[in-house]
């Protein structure tokens, strides 16, 4: 698991949900530094997620769910989180009806929001990125003349990492 997940939890989780739709996506977070084995668990996201994720089987609940969908997917994150687990809300990309407070209370979970921080934090982050030569994960690069294809690719949701349009 990357640093944002550790920062989101304040501890090293045993099992973490990472967003991703594609079948090969389960291995890609591990290759990108998410950590080995059970700490990187692929799950669906978006409207079809309840069919693919739902409630986890016994013994497979998640200690930390990194929620990027927001109102549209928070109910699935509540279903996936272990009793006493943590949901870290880092985005609000999907519109929806919100969360079932009764189910949330039954899970005994904690919901934390993650914000972007101050300008000083941003400058310090950039110094560290430069020092350790951190590079983004690039999924695919499209030439400028294929911009419509790049947007179609984004809409499919099969990406892992950044989609770049070069000029």
Foldseek 3Di string as FASTA:
>chain_A
DDPVQCVQAVHDWPAEEDEAADPVVQVVCVVVPQHDDRNRDYAYDDPCRCVTQAADDPPNATQEYEDAQAARCVQSNLRRHAQQHEYEYEHHNHDHDGYDVVSNVVSNYYYHYDDDDDPVVVVVVVVVCVVVVDDWDEFEEAEQVCVVVLVVVVVVRRTDTDYHYHD
